[in-house]
Amino acid sequence: MKKLSSAKGRVAFLLFVLFLLLLSVGYCLIKAPASIAFLGDSLTEGWVYPRTNLGTYGNTTAQMVARFPTQIQGHRYKRVVILGGTNDILLGIDSSATIDNLQTLGNYTIQAGAQPVLCEIPPIFHGSDPADKTDYSNKVRMLDLQISQLAAAHKWKLIDYYHPLLGHPEYSSDGVHMKHRGYIVMEWTYLREAPSF
């Protein structure tokens, strides 16, 4: 009997290790339902979890607003996860304009019959250009505070990607974008804070 339970334990352990290895190389066992759209910039575009991935490299929140009508309206999504603002910060766009755009995206989402989910942006450890030594931490914290206040004011769901990734520059490939480990943290955070329908 002891040998049988020991063998079961080893098999369970090996399956768990295999699962972790698959995740570490970017193999996604779980994908979000197609009824959930993930709207964003390159942080979203590079993520394998969203089945409906509407991330576009380099997009500001204003560009996300501009493409919303063709990408979201009429598609009957149940939820729209909105992750934007990183490029706004990198381009020096005032945070009040970013918040106005995020509010517009949230309102458009409701008009489209879906639930808006706002996201605090992850830390920017440094700009994508290795020569860029700018400290973006205060701007990111201030924008994330405003995003959380916007979500609270409208009673919209909020995902905090900032704190789980804070202090982990090794999860970033270039100071802005995520490695697989960073995306695993984002996926875990999403599933914990806004479980899929």
C-alpha atoms as a PDB file:
ATOM      1  CA  MET A   1       0.000   0.000   0.000  1.00  0.00           C
ATOM      2  CA  LYS A   2       2.869   2.325   0.878  1.00  0.00           C
ATOM      3  CA  LYS A   3       4.500   1.712  -2.531  1.00  0.00           C
ATOM      4  CA  LEU A   4       1.234   2.538  -4.344  1.00  0.00           C
ATOM      5  CA  SER A   5       0.739   5.880  -2.574  1.00  0.00           C
ATOM      6  CA  SER A   6       4.418   6.703  -3.083  1.00  0.00           C
ATOM      7  CA  ALA A   7       4.092   5.987  -6.829  1.00  0.00           C
ATOM      8  CA  LYS A   8       0.970   8.173  -7.052  1.00  0.00           C
ATOM      9  CA  GLY A   9       2.825  10.979  -5.308  1.00  0.00           C
ATOM     10  CA  ARG A  10       5.731  10.741  -7.745  1.00  0.00           C
ATOM     11  CA  VAL A  11       3.375  10.772 -10.745  1.00  0.00           C
ATOM     12  CA  ALA A  12       1.514  13.824  -9.382  1.00  0.00           C
ATOM     13  CA  PHE A  13       4.819  15.589  -8.748  1.00  0.00           C
ATOM     14  CA  LEU A  14       6.094  14.809 -12.262  1.00  0.00           C
ATOM     15  CA  LEU A  15       2.848  16.075 -13.819  1.00  0.00           C
ATOM     16  CA  PHE A  16       3.156  19.283 -11.806  1.00  0.00           C
ATOM     17  CA  VAL A  17       6.780  19.762 -12.928  1.00  0.00           C
ATOM     18  CA  LEU A  18       5.745  19.119 -16.550  1.00  0.00           C
ATOM     19  CA  PHE A  19       2.977  21.717 -16.212  1.00  0.00           C
ATOM     20  CA  LEU A  20       5.458  24.300 -14.887  1.00  0.00           C
ATOM     21  CA  LEU A  21       7.920  23.524 -17.686  1.00  0.00           C
ATOM     22  CA  LEU A  22       5.231  23.980 -20.325  1.00  0.00           C
ATOM     23  CA  LEU A  23       4.263  27.325 -18.816  1.00  0.00           C
ATOM     24  CA  SER A  24       7.878  28.473 -18.608  1.00  0.00           C
ATOM     25  CA  VAL A  25       8.411  27.962 -22.349  1.00  0.00           C
ATOM     26  CA  GLY A  26       5.236  29.818 -23.193  1.00  0.00           C
ATOM     27  CA  TYR A  27       2.900  26.923 -23.799  1.00  0.00           C
ATOM     28  CA  CYS A  28      -0.530  28.038 -22.713  1.00  0.00           C
ATOM     29  CA  LEU A  29      -2.796  25.267 -21.452  1.00  0.00           C
ATOM     30  CA  ILE A  30      -5.633  27.665 -20.717  1.00  0.00           C
ATOM     31  CA  LYS A  31      -6.867  30.465 -22.931  1.00  0.00           C
ATOM     32  CA  ALA A  32      -9.450  33.086 -22.102  1.00  0.00           C
ATOM     33  CA  PRO A  33     -12.888  32.555 -23.633  1.00  0.00           C
ATOM     34  CA  ALA A  34     -13.357  34.174 -27.051  1.00  0.00           C
ATOM     35  CA  SER A  35     -16.184  36.258 -25.541  1.00  0.00           C
ATOM     36  CA  ILE A  36     -13.584  38.256 -23.586  1.00  0.00           C
ATOM     37  CA  ALA A  37     -11.685  40.817 -25.671  1.00  0.00           C
ATOM     38  CA  PHE A  38      -8.295  42.058 -24.471  1.00  0.00           C
ATOM     39  CA  LEU A  39      -7.709  45.569 -25.824  1.00  0.00           C
ATOM     40  CA  GLY A  40      -4.296  47.136 -25.454  1.00  0.00           C
ATOM     41  CA  ASP A  41      -0.839  47.821 -26.793  1.00  0.00           C
ATOM     42  CA  SER A  42       2.180  45.525 -27.236  1.00  0.00           C
ATOM     43  CA  LEU A  43       1.903  44.254 -23.634  1.00  0.00           C
ATOM     44  CA  THR A  44      -1.401  42.705 -24.676  1.00  0.00           C
ATOM     45  CA  GLU A  45      -0.252  41.769 -28.190  1.00  0.00           C
ATOM     46  CA  GLY A  46       2.616  39.641 -26.836  1.00  0.00           C
ATOM     47  CA  TRP A  47       0.406  37.729 -24.391  1.00  0.00           C
ATOM     48  CA  VAL A  48      -0.735  34.218 -25.430  1.00  0.00           C
ATOM     49  CA  TYR A  49      -3.552  33.927 -22.846  1.00  0.00           C
ATOM     50  CA  PRO A  50      -6.154  36.090 -24.649  1.00  0.00           C
ATOM     51  CA  ARG A  51      -8.001  34.149 -27.343  1.00  0.00           C
ATOM     52  CA  THR A  52      -9.418  37.473 -28.595  1.00  0.00           C
ATOM     53  CA  ASN A  53      -6.220  39.504 -28.524  1.00  0.00           C
ATOM     54  CA  LEU A  54      -6.699  43.083 -29.724  1.00  0.00           C
ATOM     55  CA  GLY A  55      -3.295  44.347 -28.652  1.00  0.00           C
ATOM     56  CA  THR A  56      -1.448  46.569 -31.123  1.00  0.00           C
ATOM     57  CA  TYR A  57       2.224  47.414 -30.807  1.00  0.00           C
ATOM     58  CA  GLY A  58       2.919  51.065 -29.993  1.00  0.00           C
ATOM     59  CA  ASN A  59      -0.705  52.046 -29.388  1.00  0.00           C
ATOM     60  CA  THR A  60      -1.559  54.937 -27.142  1.00  0.00           C
ATOM     61  CA  THR A  61      -4.929  55.074 -25.408  1.00  0.00           C
ATOM     62  CA  ALA A  62      -6.097  57.594 -28.050  1.00  0.00           C
ATOM     63  CA  GLN A  63      -5.319  55.045 -30.783  1.00  0.00           C
ATOM     64  CA  MET A  64      -7.213  52.398 -28.822  1.00  0.00           C
ATOM     65  CA  VAL A  65     -10.242  54.716 -28.724  1.00  0.00           C
ATOM     66  CA  ALA A  66      -9.963  55.245 -32.495  1.00  0.00           C
ATOM     67  CA  ARG A  67     -10.023  51.525 -33.311  1.00  0.00           C
ATOM     68  CA  PHE A  68     -12.671  50.564 -30.747  1.00  0.00           C
ATOM     69  CA  PRO A  69     -15.679  50.938 -33.110  1.00  0.00           C
ATOM     70  CA  THR A  70     -14.348  48.459 -35.677  1.00  0.00           C
ATOM     71  CA  GLN A  71     -12.821  45.968 -33.240  1.00  0.00           C
ATOM     72  CA  ILE A  72     -15.356  45.837 -30.405  1.00  0.00           C
ATOM     73  CA  GLN A  73     -18.757  47.179 -31.411  1.00  0.00           C
ATOM     74  CA  GLY A  74     -21.083  44.598 -32.901  1.00  0.00           C
ATOM     75  CA  HIS A  75     -18.988  41.597 -31.824  1.00  0.00           C
ATOM     76  CA  ARG A  76     -21.070  40.802 -28.723  1.00  0.00           C
ATOM     77  CA  TYR A  77     -18.168  40.441 -26.324  1.00  0.00           C
ATOM     78  CA  LYS A  78     -19.188  39.878 -22.706  1.00  0.00           C
ATOM     79  CA  ARG A  79     -16.140  41.598 -21.251  1.00  0.00           C
ATOM     80  CA  VAL A  80     -13.447  43.974 -22.546  1.00  0.00           C
ATOM     81  CA  VAL A  81     -10.169  43.999 -20.616  1.00  0.00           C
ATOM     82  CA  ILE A  82      -8.522  47.387 -21.190  1.00  0.00           C
ATOM     83  CA  LEU A  83      -4.762  47.606 -20.590  1.00  0.00           C
ATOM     84  CA  GLY A  84      -3.395  50.907 -21.841  1.00  0.00           C
ATOM     85  CA  GLY A  85      -1.259  53.829 -20.780  1.00  0.00           C
ATOM     86  CA  THR A  86       2.307  52.513 -20.999  1.00  0.00           C
ATOM     87  CA  ASN A  87       2.979  54.179 -24.352  1.00  0.00           C
ATOM     88  CA  ASP A  88       1.237  57.335 -23.152  1.00  0.00           C
ATOM     89  CA  ILE A  89       3.822  57.572 -20.365  1.00  0.00           C
ATOM     90  CA  LEU A  90       6.752  56.747 -22.657  1.00  0.00           C
ATOM     91  CA  LEU A  91       5.600  59.441 -25.117  1.00  0.00           C
ATOM     92  CA  GLY A  92       5.037  62.067 -22.412  1.00  0.00           C
ATOM     93  CA  ILE A  93       1.247  62.270 -22.855  1.00  0.00           C
ATOM     94  CA  ASP A  94      -0.458  63.974 -19.921  1.00  0.00           C
ATOM     95  CA  SER A  95      -2.157  61.503 -17.593  1.00  0.00           C
ATOM     96  CA  SER A  96      -5.431  63.465 -17.697  1.00  0.00           C
ATOM     97  CA  ALA A  97      -5.692  62.696 -21.434  1.00  0.00           C
ATOM     98  CA  THR A  98      -4.968  59.025 -20.718  1.00  0.00           C
ATOM     99  CA  ILE A  99      -7.696  58.874 -18.081  1.00  0.00           C
ATOM    100  CA  ASP A 100     -10.175  60.617 -20.414  1.00  0.00           C
ATOM    101  CA  ASN A 101      -9.401  57.997 -23.069  1.00  0.00           C
ATOM    102  CA  LEU A 102      -9.762  55.106 -20.618  1.00  0.00           C
ATOM    103  CA  GLN A 103     -13.100  56.525 -19.461  1.00  0.00           C
ATOM    104  CA  THR A 104     -14.232  56.755 -23.086  1.00  0.00           C
ATOM    105  CA  LEU A 105     -13.185  53.133 -23.653  1.00  0.00           C
ATOM    106  CA  GLY A 106     -15.107  52.045 -20.556  1.00  0.00           C
ATOM    107  CA  ASN A 107     -18.224  53.932 -21.652  1.00  0.00           C
ATOM    108  CA  TYR A 108     -17.951  52.538 -25.196  1.00  0.00           C
ATOM    109  CA  THR A 109     -17.678  49.052 -23.705  1.00  0.00           C
ATOM    110  CA  ILE A 110     -20.906  49.501 -21.758  1.00  0.00           C
ATOM    111  CA  GLN A 111     -22.645  50.874 -24.861  1.00  0.00           C
ATOM    112  CA  ALA A 112     -21.481  47.726 -26.693  1.00  0.00           C
ATOM    113  CA  GLY A 113     -23.213  45.607 -24.018  1.00  0.00           C
ATOM    114  CA  ALA A 114     -20.032  44.345 -22.363  1.00  0.00           C
ATOM    115  CA  GLN A 115     -18.418  44.657 -18.943  1.00  0.00           C
ATOM    116  CA  PRO A 116     -15.361  46.950 -18.850  1.00  0.00           C
ATOM    117  CA  VAL A 117     -12.321  45.802 -16.887  1.00  0.00           C
ATOM    118  CA  LEU A 118      -9.648  48.454 -16.345  1.00  0.00           C
ATOM    119  CA  CYS A 119      -6.055  47.465 -15.647  1.00  0.00           C
ATOM    120  CA  GLU A 120      -3.296  49.196 -13.741  1.00  0.00           C
ATOM    121  CA  ILE A 121      -0.236  49.106 -15.983  1.00  0.00           C
ATOM    122  CA  PRO A 122       2.850  47.095 -14.985  1.00  0.00           C
ATOM    123  CA  PRO A 123       6.022  48.850 -13.834  1.00  0.00           C
ATOM    124  CA  ILE A 124       8.247  50.401 -16.502  1.00  0.00           C
ATOM    125  CA  PHE A 125      11.712  49.366 -15.332  1.00  0.00           C
ATOM    126  CA  HIS A 126      13.366  51.454 -18.071  1.00  0.00           C
ATOM    127  CA  GLY A 127      12.546  52.452 -21.627  1.00  0.00           C
ATOM    128  CA  SER A 128      12.896  49.888 -24.430  1.00  0.00           C
ATOM    129  CA  ASP A 129      16.030  51.730 -25.541  1.00  0.00           C
ATOM    130  CA  PRO A 130      18.868  50.503 -23.253  1.00  0.00           C
ATOM    131  CA  ALA A 131      20.294  54.044 -23.271  1.00  0.00           C
ATOM    132  CA  ASP A 132      17.075  55.370 -21.713  1.00  0.00           C
ATOM    133  CA  LYS A 133      17.780  55.694 -17.988  1.00  0.00           C
ATOM    134  CA  THR A 134      14.606  57.670 -17.225  1.00  0.00           C
ATOM    135  CA  ASP A 135      12.897  56.793 -13.945  1.00  0.00           C
ATOM    136  CA  TYR A 136       9.242  56.243 -14.841  1.00  0.00           C
ATOM    137  CA  SER A 137       8.176  54.880 -11.443  1.00  0.00           C
ATOM    138  CA  ASN A 138       6.394  58.021 -10.179  1.00  0.00           C
ATOM    139  CA  LYS A 139       4.493  58.512 -13.431  1.00  0.00           C
ATOM    140  CA  VAL A 140       3.399  54.867 -13.457  1.00  0.00           C
ATOM    141  CA  ARG A 141       2.280  54.994  -9.811  1.00  0.00           C
ATOM    142  CA  MET A 142       0.340  58.230 -10.377  1.00  0.00           C
ATOM    143  CA  LEU A 143      -1.376  56.899 -13.506  1.00  0.00           C
ATOM    144  CA  ASP A 144      -2.255  53.636 -11.773  1.00  0.00           C
ATOM    145  CA  LEU A 145      -3.746  55.568  -8.863  1.00  0.00           C
ATOM    146  CA  GLN A 146      -5.898  57.538 -11.311  1.00  0.00           C
ATOM    147  CA  ILE A 147      -6.929  54.327 -13.105  1.00  0.00           C
ATOM    148  CA  SER A 148      -8.005  52.761  -9.803  1.00  0.00           C
ATOM    149  CA  GLN A 149      -9.974  55.915  -8.908  1.00  0.00           C
ATOM    150  CA  LEU A 150     -11.680  55.866 -12.323  1.00  0.00           C
ATOM    151  CA  ALA A 151     -12.660  52.209 -11.868  1.00  0.00           C
ATOM    152  CA  ALA A 152     -13.984  52.889  -8.360  1.00  0.00           C
ATOM    153  CA  ALA A 153     -15.998  55.928  -9.488  1.00  0.00           C
ATOM    154  CA  HIS A 154     -17.803  53.844 -12.125  1.00  0.00           C
ATOM    155  CA  LYS A 155     -17.826  50.581 -10.146  1.00  0.00           C
ATOM    156  CA  TRP A 156     -15.850  48.921 -12.952  1.00  0.00           C
ATOM    157  CA  LYS A 157     -13.723  45.873 -12.270  1.00  0.00           C
ATOM    158  CA  LEU A 158     -10.010  46.625 -11.793  1.00  0.00           C
ATOM    159  CA  ILE A 159      -6.941  44.411 -12.295  1.00  0.00           C
ATOM    160  CA  ASP A 160      -3.720  45.426 -10.539  1.00  0.00           C
ATOM    161  CA  TYR A 161      -0.783  44.322 -12.692  1.00  0.00           C
ATOM    162  CA  TYR A 162       1.563  46.806 -11.015  1.00  0.00           C
ATOM    163  CA  HIS A 163       2.120  45.316  -7.560  1.00  0.00           C
ATOM    164  CA  PRO A 164       2.572  41.637  -8.561  1.00  0.00           C
ATOM    165  CA  LEU A 165       5.325  42.662 -11.031  1.00  0.00           C
ATOM    166  CA  LEU A 166       6.937  45.399  -8.927  1.00  0.00           C
ATOM    167  CA  GLY A 167      10.493  44.543  -7.930  1.00  0.00           C
ATOM    168  CA  HIS A 168      10.833  41.892 -10.630  1.00  0.00           C
ATOM    169  CA  PRO A 169      12.771  43.436 -13.517  1.00  0.00           C
ATOM    170  CA  GLU A 170      13.832  39.886 -14.427  1.00  0.00           C
ATOM    171  CA  TYR A 171      10.232  39.283 -15.609  1.00  0.00           C
ATOM    172  CA  SER A 172      10.709  41.955 -18.280  1.00  0.00           C
ATOM    173  CA  SER A 173      12.483  41.391 -21.579  1.00  0.00           C
ATOM    174  CA  ASP A 174      13.455  45.022 -22.164  1.00  0.00           C
ATOM    175  CA  GLY A 175      12.217  47.099 -19.231  1.00  0.00           C
ATOM    176  CA  VAL A 176       8.718  47.469 -20.714  1.00  0.00           C
ATOM    177  CA  HIS A 177       7.589  44.155 -22.246  1.00  0.00           C
ATOM    178  CA  MET A 178       7.136  40.853 -20.440  1.00  0.00           C
ATOM    179  CA  LYS A 179       9.003  37.568 -20.637  1.00  0.00           C
ATOM    180  CA  HIS A 180       6.984  34.363 -20.248  1.00  0.00           C
ATOM    181  CA  ARG A 181       7.390  34.542 -16.459  1.00  0.00           C
ATOM    182  CA  GLY A 182       5.892  38.031 -16.428  1.00  0.00           C
ATOM    183  CA  TYR A 183       2.924  36.866 -18.488  1.00  0.00           C
ATOM    184  CA  ILE A 184       2.400  33.921 -16.129  1.00  0.00           C
ATOM    185  CA  VAL A 185       2.141  36.429 -13.265  1.00  0.00           C
ATOM    186  CA  MET A 186      -0.287  38.550 -15.306  1.00  0.00           C
ATOM    187  CA  GLU A 187      -2.433  35.527 -16.152  1.00  0.00           C
ATOM    188  CA  TRP A 188      -2.526  34.363 -12.532  1.00  0.00           C
ATOM    189  CA  THR A 189      -3.421  37.898 -11.421  1.00  0.00           C
ATOM    190  CA  TYR A 190      -6.208  38.153 -14.004  1.00  0.00           C
ATOM    191  CA  LEU A 191      -7.697  34.778 -13.074  1.00  0.00           C
ATOM    192  CA  ARG A 192      -7.585  35.651  -9.376  1.00  0.00           C
ATOM    193  CA  GLU A 193      -9.034  39.164  -9.668  1.00  0.00           C
ATOM    194  CA  ALA A 194     -11.476  38.764 -12.585  1.00  0.00           C
ATOM    195  CA  PRO A 195     -12.302  35.097 -13.135  1.00  0.00           C
ATOM    196  CA  SER A 196     -13.584  34.347 -16.625  1.00  0.00           C
ATOM    197  CA  PHE A 197     -17.286  33.878 -17.236  1.00  0.00           C
END
